[in-house]
Amino acid sequence: MAPLTERSNRLGPVGFVLAFGIVSMLADVVYEGARSITGPFLATLGASGALVGFVTGFGEAVSLVLRLGTGPLADRTRRYWPLSISGYVITIVAVPILAFAQTLWQASVLVVAERFGKAVRTPARDTMLSHAGAVMGQGKAFAVHEALDQSGAFAGPLLVALMVAVSGYQAGFGILAIPGVLALVAVLWVRRAVPTPERYDHELPERPDQADGGQPDAGQPPALPQPAKSPLPRRFWWYSAFTAASMLGFATFAVISYHLEVRRVLPEPLIPVAYAVAMGAAALAALGSGALYDRFGLGGLLIALPLAAAVPFLSFSTDPTLVWVGAAVWGAAMGMHESTLRAAVADLVPSARRGTAYGTFTAIYGVAWLAGSTIIGALYQTSITAVVVFTLATQALALVLMIPLLRGGRRGLKGSAG
């Protein structure tokens, strides 16, 4: 048998995106199910609002900032599959162990460990998806993947809600071992079906045996582009600043769920259901924003800013009706951030530098979210009005930073990667 890296892909680009979407769906059942009760669970162990904001923000920062290392590592080694699989294993192990956490520090370490797994896998995974996106359209590829991903994020909190209602938080974490095993089986299958996603990318250079019009040797893998040494484009850095300003005023759901727990706005079993509503809204928003991006570029994403600005008015209310609406609005904004922001990076940066670009972009994103979630958690301890003012100010700043990005034309950043 030929080595795995020399075998042809058995799935086309669409099939690959769908199959990887199923992997992500199962993984999301695990970690989004856990995240739906992280805030209330930490509260039961004695955490304050500021500490919940810091722990969950630090976890997001670990997930995003460490991609400064894992992104270039993916570019340099091109070992996309080992990195992706290792990251899934870390998450799948860390989450169910939360069922045995007895102290605040133990739970906090496991929360951060789960996010570390995401840091390991995501640049490599997104780079593989971007190769399929070169054929499908980046917006469509990432939106389809995100929609499947978010369907797991919808199902996981519902499963956890049922277990919390029946037997408490420990049962909620423990049940997540089952979808974790299924996710691992699924990712190993996709790896065998698509050993070299790079084949999809129309940017792959012409091989020497094709230079004179010859046909490629079917028995050999295509030549891969070598990582470029050129700096990342200037507009990439401007775009990263815009994203950082937006995320600075975007609360983590753990802070919101902490509010729901300590103010007794919703019963404990309904808090993960609110997160499920958020994830359902995120899936729908991902599909819609992906289509808008492919048609209009970044101009189609301006709606994310007023959505984020509306979150504190709704989610930090003590009116259950407003809280449910707030969950949907928070999820819609999150879905746009998680899908189309990644697609824009793929259009900004040549394929050989995408691992590095994703690592850099998400590090900036993560530092901003860590700072913002910590600030919002601390402001919450003072007054909700302070949270509202801070959020409005950050979204206004993001809007100002968006304006220069749109001056290049109707499609904004599209076409600027070359």
Protein backbone atom coordinates (compact mmCIF):
# COMPACT_ATOMS: atom_id res chain seq x y z
CA MET A 1 0.00 0.00 0.00
CA ALA A 2 1.22 3.48 -0.86
CA PRO A 3 1.89 5.85 2.05
CA LEU A 4 -1.17 7.72 3.25
CA THR A 5 0.07 11.09 1.99
CA GLU A 6 0.34 9.70 -1.55
CA ARG A 7 -3.24 8.44 -1.81
CA SER A 8 -5.88 10.45 -3.62
CA ASN A 9 -8.72 12.13 -1.76
CA ARG A 10 -11.90 10.08 -1.83
CA LEU A 11 -14.13 13.09 -1.15
CA GLY A 12 -14.57 16.23 -3.22
CA PRO A 13 -14.33 19.71 -1.66
CA VAL A 14 -18.02 19.82 -0.73
CA GLY A 15 -17.91 16.32 0.74
CA PHE A 16 -14.82 17.20 2.73
CA VAL A 17 -16.41 20.34 4.20
CA LEU A 18 -19.56 18.40 5.08
CA ALA A 19 -17.58 15.53 6.64
CA PHE A 20 -15.40 17.88 8.67
CA GLY A 21 -18.57 19.71 9.65
CA ILE A 22 -19.85 16.49 11.20
CA VAL A 23 -16.59 16.09 13.14
CA SER A 24 -16.93 19.64 14.42
CA MET A 25 -20.60 19.08 15.20
CA LEU A 26 -19.77 16.15 17.49
CA ALA A 27 -16.89 18.05 19.09
CA ASP A 28 -19.18 21.01 19.66
CA VAL A 29 -21.65 18.81 21.50
CA VAL A 30 -18.77 18.19 23.91
CA TYR A 31 -17.22 21.60 24.49
CA GLU A 32 -20.22 23.83 23.84
CA GLY A 33 -22.29 21.61 26.08
CA ALA A 34 -19.70 22.21 28.79
CA ARG A 35 -19.47 25.95 28.12
CA SER A 36 -23.23 26.30 28.53
CA ILE A 37 -22.86 25.63 32.27
CA THR A 38 -19.31 26.87 32.93
CA GLY A 39 -20.41 30.18 34.46
CA PRO A 40 -23.01 28.72 36.87
CA PHE A 41 -20.70 25.82 37.73
CA LEU A 42 -17.84 28.15 38.65
CA ALA A 43 -20.32 30.22 40.68
CA THR A 44 -21.22 27.11 42.74
CA LEU A 45 -17.50 26.73 43.52
CA GLY A 46 -17.32 30.31 44.84
CA ALA A 47 -16.23 32.35 41.81
CA SER A 48 -17.13 36.05 41.50
CA GLY A 49 -18.36 37.66 38.30
CA ALA A 50 -14.94 39.19 37.66
CA LEU A 51 -13.23 35.81 38.18
CA VAL A 52 -15.68 34.06 35.83
CA GLY A 53 -14.92 36.72 33.25
CA PHE A 54 -11.17 36.29 33.73
CA VAL A 55 -11.12 32.47 33.69
CA THR A 56 -13.32 32.16 30.62
CA GLY A 57 -11.62 35.10 28.93
CA PHE A 58 -8.22 33.59 29.71
CA GLY A 59 -9.42 30.31 28.25
CA GLU A 60 -10.45 32.09 25.06
CA ALA A 61 -7.11 33.90 24.98
CA VAL A 62 -5.25 30.59 25.33
CA SER A 63 -7.38 29.19 22.51
CA LEU A 64 -6.58 32.15 20.28
CA VAL A 65 -3.18 33.55 21.32
CA LEU A 66 -1.38 30.20 21.26
CA ARG A 67 -2.27 29.99 17.58
CA LEU A 68 0.66 32.38 17.12
CA GLY A 69 2.68 29.19 17.60
CA THR A 70 0.39 26.51 16.21
CA GLY A 71 -0.38 28.51 13.05
CA PRO A 72 3.26 28.85 11.91
CA LEU A 73 3.85 25.26 13.06
CA ALA A 74 1.11 24.12 10.66
CA ASP A 75 2.67 26.17 7.83
CA ARG A 76 6.19 24.91 8.54
CA THR A 77 5.48 21.21 9.06
CA ARG A 78 2.31 20.87 6.95
CA ARG A 79 1.26 18.19 9.44
CA TYR A 80 -2.30 19.45 9.39
CA TRP A 81 -3.94 16.17 10.33
CA PRO A 82 -1.74 15.27 13.36
CA LEU A 83 -2.22 18.77 14.76
CA SER A 84 -5.98 18.68 14.23
CA ILE A 85 -6.40 15.23 15.76
CA SER A 86 -4.20 16.05 18.77
CA GLY A 87 -6.30 19.11 19.51
CA TYR A 88 -9.52 17.13 19.40
CA VAL A 89 -8.09 14.52 21.79
CA ILE A 90 -7.15 17.19 24.37
CA THR A 91 -10.66 18.65 24.33
CA ILE A 92 -12.38 15.28 24.39
CA VAL A 93 -10.39 14.25 27.49
CA ALA A 94 -10.55 17.54 29.43
CA VAL A 95 -14.30 18.15 29.33
CA PRO A 96 -15.68 14.97 30.95
CA ILE A 97 -13.07 15.24 33.72
CA LEU A 98 -14.84 18.42 34.86
CA ALA A 99 -17.38 16.05 36.41
CA PHE A 100 -14.75 15.22 39.04
CA ALA A 101 -13.59 18.79 39.77
CA GLN A 102 -14.10 19.63 43.46
CA THR A 103 -12.35 23.00 43.74
CA LEU A 104 -12.35 26.25 41.79
CA TRP A 105 -8.73 25.89 40.68
CA GLN A 106 -9.30 22.37 39.36
CA ALA A 107 -12.30 23.45 37.33
CA SER A 108 -10.46 26.52 36.05
CA VAL A 109 -7.48 24.46 34.85
CA LEU A 110 -9.78 22.09 32.94
CA VAL A 111 -11.72 24.96 31.38
CA VAL A 112 -8.43 26.39 30.09
CA ALA A 113 -7.18 22.93 29.00
CA GLU A 114 -10.25 22.49 26.79
CA ARG A 115 -9.47 25.80 25.10
CA PHE A 116 -5.82 24.73 24.66
CA GLY A 117 -7.03 21.80 22.59
CA LYS A 118 -8.83 24.24 20.32
CA ALA A 119 -5.62 26.28 19.95
CA VAL A 120 -3.74 23.19 18.77
CA ARG A 121 -6.24 22.08 16.14
CA THR A 122 -7.86 25.17 14.68
CA PRO A 123 -5.17 26.77 12.44
CA ALA A 124 -4.46 23.41 10.80
CA ARG A 125 -8.16 22.64 10.43
CA ASP A 126 -8.98 26.06 8.99
CA THR A 127 -6.10 25.83 6.54
CA MET A 128 -7.45 22.49 5.28
CA LEU A 129 -10.93 23.98 4.96
CA SER A 130 -9.53 26.96 3.07
CA HIS A 131 -8.19 24.63 0.38
CA ALA A 132 -11.72 23.32 -0.18
CA GLY A 133 -12.94 26.93 -0.04
CA ALA A 134 -10.69 27.80 -2.98
CA VAL A 135 -13.08 25.72 -5.08
CA MET A 136 -16.39 26.33 -3.27
CA GLY A 137 -15.93 29.98 -2.30
CA GLN A 138 -14.42 30.82 1.07
CA GLY A 139 -17.60 32.33 2.48
CA LYS A 140 -19.67 29.30 1.53
CA ALA A 141 -17.12 26.76 2.78
CA PHE A 142 -16.68 28.35 6.20
CA ALA A 143 -20.40 29.11 6.52
CA VAL A 144 -21.43 25.50 5.77
CA HIS A 145 -18.81 24.21 8.19
CA GLU A 146 -19.90 26.70 10.85
CA ALA A 147 -23.58 25.83 10.41
CA LEU A 148 -22.86 22.12 11.00
CA ASP A 149 -20.51 23.06 13.83
CA GLN A 150 -23.22 25.15 15.48
CA SER A 151 -25.81 22.39 15.17
CA GLY A 152 -23.66 20.46 17.65
CA ALA A 153 -23.42 23.59 19.75
CA PHE A 154 -27.25 23.61 19.79
CA ALA A 155 -27.62 19.91 20.69
CA GLY A 156 -24.89 19.81 23.35
CA PRO A 157 -26.43 22.34 25.74
CA LEU A 158 -29.82 20.61 25.44
CA LEU A 159 -28.24 17.30 26.38
CA VAL A 160 -26.46 18.96 29.31
CA ALA A 161 -29.68 20.73 30.37
CA LEU A 162 -31.45 17.38 30.60
CA MET A 163 -28.67 15.86 32.70
CA VAL A 164 -28.45 18.92 35.00
CA ALA A 165 -32.22 18.74 35.57
CA VAL A 166 -32.00 15.04 36.42
CA SER A 167 -28.75 14.77 38.34
CA GLY A 168 -26.75 18.03 38.53
CA TYR A 169 -23.68 19.57 36.94
CA GLN A 170 -21.44 16.51 37.33
CA ALA A 171 -23.78 14.36 35.24
CA GLY A 172 -23.95 17.16 32.68
CA PHE A 173 -20.19 17.06 32.17
CA GLY A 174 -19.89 13.27 32.38
CA ILE A 175 -22.37 12.49 29.60
CA LEU A 176 -20.20 14.42 27.15
CA ALA A 177 -17.67 11.57 27.01
CA ILE A 178 -20.00 9.74 24.58
CA PRO A 179 -20.08 12.33 21.76
CA GLY A 180 -16.36 12.86 22.41
CA VAL A 181 -15.55 9.28 21.43
CA LEU A 182 -17.78 9.59 18.35
CA ALA A 183 -15.94 12.78 17.31
CA LEU A 184 -12.59 11.04 17.53
CA VAL A 185 -13.80 8.12 15.40
CA ALA A 186 -15.22 10.57 12.83
CA VAL A 187 -12.04 12.66 12.49
CA LEU A 188 -9.92 9.54 11.99
CA TRP A 189 -12.26 8.43 9.21
CA VAL A 190 -12.13 11.82 7.47
CA ARG A 191 -8.35 11.77 7.68
CA ARG A 192 -8.25 8.47 5.79
CA ALA A 193 -10.79 9.70 3.23
CA VAL A 194 -8.98 13.01 2.58
CA PRO A 195 -5.25 12.61 3.28
CA THR A 196 -4.20 15.70 1.27
CA PRO A 197 -6.74 18.55 1.26
CA GLU A 198 -4.07 20.73 -0.43
CA ARG A 199 -4.99 19.03 -3.71
CA TYR A 200 -8.22 21.02 -3.80
CA ASP A 201 -6.55 24.42 -3.93
CA HIS A 202 -6.48 25.94 -7.41
CA GLU A 203 -3.49 28.03 -6.28
CA LEU A 204 -1.18 25.00 -6.22
CA PRO A 205 1.77 25.69 -8.55
CA GLU A 206 2.21 23.86 -11.81
CA ARG A 207 4.44 20.82 -11.34
CA PRO A 208 7.62 20.49 -13.41
CA ASP A 209 6.25 17.51 -15.36
CA GLN A 210 3.32 19.73 -16.47
CA ALA A 211 5.41 22.72 -17.53
CA ASP A 212 5.71 21.54 -21.13
CA GLY A 213 2.08 20.56 -21.40
CA GLY A 214 2.59 17.08 -19.99
CA GLN A 215 0.05 15.35 -17.79
CA PRO A 216 0.61 14.91 -14.07
CA ASP A 217 1.80 11.59 -12.78
CA ALA A 218 -1.25 10.16 -11.00
CA GLY A 219 1.00 8.15 -8.71
CA GLN A 220 2.66 11.21 -7.18
CA PRO A 221 1.18 13.80 -4.82
CA PRO A 222 0.97 17.38 -6.12
CA ALA A 223 3.77 19.77 -5.30
CA LEU A 224 2.93 21.95 -2.31
CA PRO A 225 3.54 25.70 -2.12
CA GLN A 226 6.39 26.59 0.19
CA PRO A 227 5.71 29.01 3.05
CA ALA A 228 6.34 32.58 1.93
CA LYS A 229 8.68 34.83 3.88
CA SER A 230 6.93 38.06 2.92
CA PRO A 231 5.13 40.02 5.66
CA LEU A 232 1.39 39.74 6.07
CA PRO A 233 -0.53 42.39 4.07
CA ARG A 234 -1.15 45.80 5.62
CA ARG A 235 -4.90 45.47 5.20
CA PHE A 236 -4.74 42.23 7.23
CA TRP A 237 -3.42 44.22 10.21
CA TRP A 238 -6.08 46.91 9.81
CA TYR A 239 -8.74 44.21 9.65
CA SER A 240 -7.34 42.61 12.81
CA ALA A 241 -7.62 45.97 14.62
CA PHE A 242 -11.27 46.25 13.60
CA THR A 243 -11.98 42.74 14.91
CA ALA A 244 -10.15 43.42 18.18
CA ALA A 245 -12.25 46.52 18.85
CA SER A 246 -15.45 44.59 18.20
CA MET A 247 -14.46 41.67 20.48
CA LEU A 248 -13.33 44.01 23.26
CA GLY A 249 -17.00 44.77 23.93
CA PHE A 250 -18.36 41.24 23.47
CA ALA A 251 -19.08 39.39 26.73
CA THR A 252 -18.42 35.66 27.00
CA PHE A 253 -21.56 33.61 27.60
CA ALA A 254 -20.09 32.48 30.91
CA VAL A 255 -20.41 36.03 32.25
CA ILE A 256 -23.98 36.21 30.96
CA SER A 257 -24.86 32.82 32.46
CA TYR A 258 -23.23 33.89 35.73
CA HIS A 259 -25.67 36.82 35.78
CA LEU A 260 -28.57 34.44 35.10
CA GLU A 261 -27.46 32.22 38.00
CA VAL A 262 -26.69 34.78 40.70
CA ARG A 263 -29.71 36.98 39.93
CA ARG A 264 -31.96 33.89 39.64
CA VAL A 265 -33.27 35.14 36.28
CA LEU A 266 -33.65 31.56 34.95
CA PRO A 267 -33.76 28.19 36.74
CA GLU A 268 -30.45 26.30 36.52
CA PRO A 269 -31.64 23.68 33.95
CA LEU A 270 -32.82 26.45 31.60
CA ILE A 271 -29.48 28.26 31.46
CA PRO A 272 -27.93 25.71 29.05
CA VAL A 273 -31.17 25.84 27.05
CA ALA A 274 -30.59 29.59 26.62
CA TYR A 275 -27.13 28.73 25.30
CA ALA A 276 -28.69 26.25 22.89
CA VAL A 277 -30.92 29.04 21.58
CA ALA A 278 -27.78 31.16 21.10
CA MET A 279 -26.07 28.39 19.15
CA GLY A 280 -29.11 27.83 16.95
CA ALA A 281 -29.10 31.53 16.11
CA ALA A 282 -25.34 31.32 15.46
CA ALA A 283 -25.84 28.53 12.91
CA LEU A 284 -28.46 30.50 10.98
CA ALA A 285 -26.40 33.70 11.14
CA ALA A 286 -23.31 31.86 9.89
CA LEU A 287 -25.11 30.72 6.75
CA GLY A 288 -26.59 34.16 6.11
CA SER A 289 -23.39 36.09 6.74
CA GLY A 290 -21.38 33.69 4.57
CA ALA A 291 -23.68 34.39 1.63
CA LEU A 292 -23.51 38.15 2.29
CA TYR A 293 -19.73 38.04 2.44
CA ASP A 294 -19.36 36.16 -0.86
CA ARG A 295 -21.67 38.72 -2.50
CA PHE A 296 -20.74 42.02 -0.83
CA GLY A 297 -17.50 41.51 1.11
CA LEU A 298 -17.12 43.05 4.54
CA GLY A 299 -19.88 45.59 3.97
CA GLY A 300 -22.38 42.79 4.54
CA LEU A 301 -21.03 42.26 8.06
CA LEU A 302 -21.79 45.68 9.51
CA ILE A 303 -24.91 44.21 11.11
CA ALA A 304 -22.66 42.36 13.60
CA LEU A 305 -21.81 45.65 15.34
CA PRO A 306 -25.36 46.69 16.34
CA LEU A 307 -26.07 43.09 17.34
CA ALA A 308 -23.11 43.12 19.73
CA ALA A 309 -24.14 46.55 21.02
CA ALA A 310 -27.64 45.25 21.84
CA VAL A 311 -26.40 42.31 23.94
CA PRO A 312 -26.01 44.06 27.34
CA PHE A 313 -29.47 45.68 27.06
CA LEU A 314 -31.00 42.23 26.67
CA SER A 315 -28.78 39.56 28.22
CA PHE A 316 -28.05 41.44 31.47
CA SER A 317 -31.73 42.17 32.04
CA THR A 318 -33.72 40.53 34.85
CA ASP A 319 -36.70 40.08 32.50
CA PRO A 320 -36.69 36.43 31.27
CA THR A 321 -38.28 37.41 27.95
CA LEU A 322 -35.50 39.88 27.18
CA VAL A 323 -32.91 37.32 28.26
CA TRP A 324 -34.20 34.78 25.73
CA VAL A 325 -34.10 37.41 22.97
CA GLY A 326 -30.62 38.38 24.15
CA ALA A 327 -29.43 34.77 23.83
CA ALA A 328 -30.49 34.74 20.18
CA VAL A 329 -28.87 38.13 19.49
CA TRP A 330 -25.62 37.09 21.23
CA GLY A 331 -25.58 33.86 19.21
CA ALA A 332 -26.22 35.63 15.90
CA ALA A 333 -23.29 37.98 16.52
CA MET A 334 -21.10 35.05 17.57
CA GLY A 335 -22.03 33.08 14.44
CA MET A 336 -20.94 35.97 12.23
CA HIS A 337 -17.65 36.30 14.12
CA GLU A 338 -16.90 32.58 14.01
CA SER A 339 -17.61 32.01 10.32
CA THR A 340 -17.19 34.99 8.06
CA LEU A 341 -14.30 36.62 9.91
CA ARG A 342 -12.28 33.48 9.16
CA ALA A 343 -13.32 33.57 5.51
CA ALA A 344 -12.01 37.14 5.16
CA VAL A 345 -8.59 36.08 6.44
CA ALA A 346 -8.42 33.43 3.72
CA ASP A 347 -9.12 36.08 1.09
CA LEU A 348 -6.56 38.48 2.55
CA VAL A 349 -3.57 36.15 2.71
CA PRO A 350 -1.96 33.75 0.17
CA SER A 351 -2.51 30.06 0.92
CA ALA A 352 1.12 29.40 1.95
CA ARG A 353 0.78 31.96 4.78
CA ARG A 354 -2.73 31.15 5.98
CA GLY A 355 -1.68 29.09 8.99
CA THR A 356 0.44 31.99 10.22
CA ALA A 357 -2.30 34.49 9.37
CA TYR A 358 -4.95 32.52 11.24
CA GLY A 359 -2.64 32.18 14.22
CA THR A 360 -1.85 35.90 14.28
CA PHE A 361 -5.42 37.01 13.67
CA THR A 362 -6.91 34.81 16.35
CA ALA A 363 -4.21 35.81 18.84
CA ILE A 364 -5.23 39.44 18.45
CA TYR A 365 -8.88 38.38 18.63
CA GLY A 366 -8.18 36.39 21.81
CA VAL A 367 -6.25 39.08 23.66
CA ALA A 368 -9.06 41.53 22.92
CA TRP A 369 -11.69 39.06 24.16
CA LEU A 370 -9.70 38.30 27.32
CA ALA A 371 -9.38 42.00 28.10
CA GLY A 372 -13.00 42.69 27.26
CA SER A 373 -14.49 39.78 29.20
CA THR A 374 -12.40 40.67 32.28
CA ILE A 375 -13.44 44.32 32.05
CA ILE A 376 -17.11 43.42 31.51
CA GLY A 377 -17.01 41.00 34.45
CA ALA A 378 -15.52 43.68 36.69
CA LEU A 379 -17.94 46.36 35.45
CA TYR A 380 -20.83 43.96 36.10
CA GLN A 381 -19.87 43.94 39.77
CA THR A 382 -20.25 47.76 39.72
CA SER A 383 -23.29 48.37 37.49
CA ILE A 384 -24.93 47.06 34.36
CA THR A 385 -25.07 50.63 33.05
CA ALA A 386 -21.27 50.65 32.97
CA VAL A 387 -21.34 47.45 30.90
CA VAL A 388 -23.75 49.07 28.43
CA VAL A 389 -21.61 52.20 28.02
CA PHE A 390 -18.42 50.19 27.55
CA THR A 391 -20.03 47.95 24.93
CA LEU A 392 -21.44 50.87 22.94
CA ALA A 393 -18.06 52.61 22.94
CA THR A 394 -16.18 49.57 21.65
CA GLN A 395 -18.66 48.88 18.84
CA ALA A 396 -18.50 52.54 17.79
CA LEU A 397 -14.70 52.27 17.64
CA ALA A 398 -15.00 49.13 15.53
CA LEU A 399 -17.28 50.97 13.10
CA VAL A 400 -14.69 53.74 12.72
CA LEU A 401 -11.97 51.16 12.02
CA MET A 402 -14.18 49.46 9.42
CA ILE A 403 -14.54 52.59 7.27
CA PRO A 404 -11.02 52.54 5.72
CA LEU A 405 -11.43 48.84 4.92
CA LEU A 406 -14.49 49.59 2.81
CA ARG A 407 -12.87 52.39 0.81
CA GLY A 408 -11.25 49.88 -1.52
CA GLY A 409 -14.60 49.23 -3.14
CA ARG A 410 -17.88 47.48 -2.66
CA ARG A 411 -16.24 44.16 -1.83
CA GLY A 412 -13.92 45.57 0.81
CA LEU A 413 -11.14 43.10 1.40
CA LYS A 414 -12.04 40.69 -1.36
CA GLY A 415 -9.34 40.17 -3.89
CA SER A 416 -6.58 41.76 -1.82
CA ALA A 417 -4.65 38.60 -1.06
CA GLY A 418 -2.46 38.63 -4.10
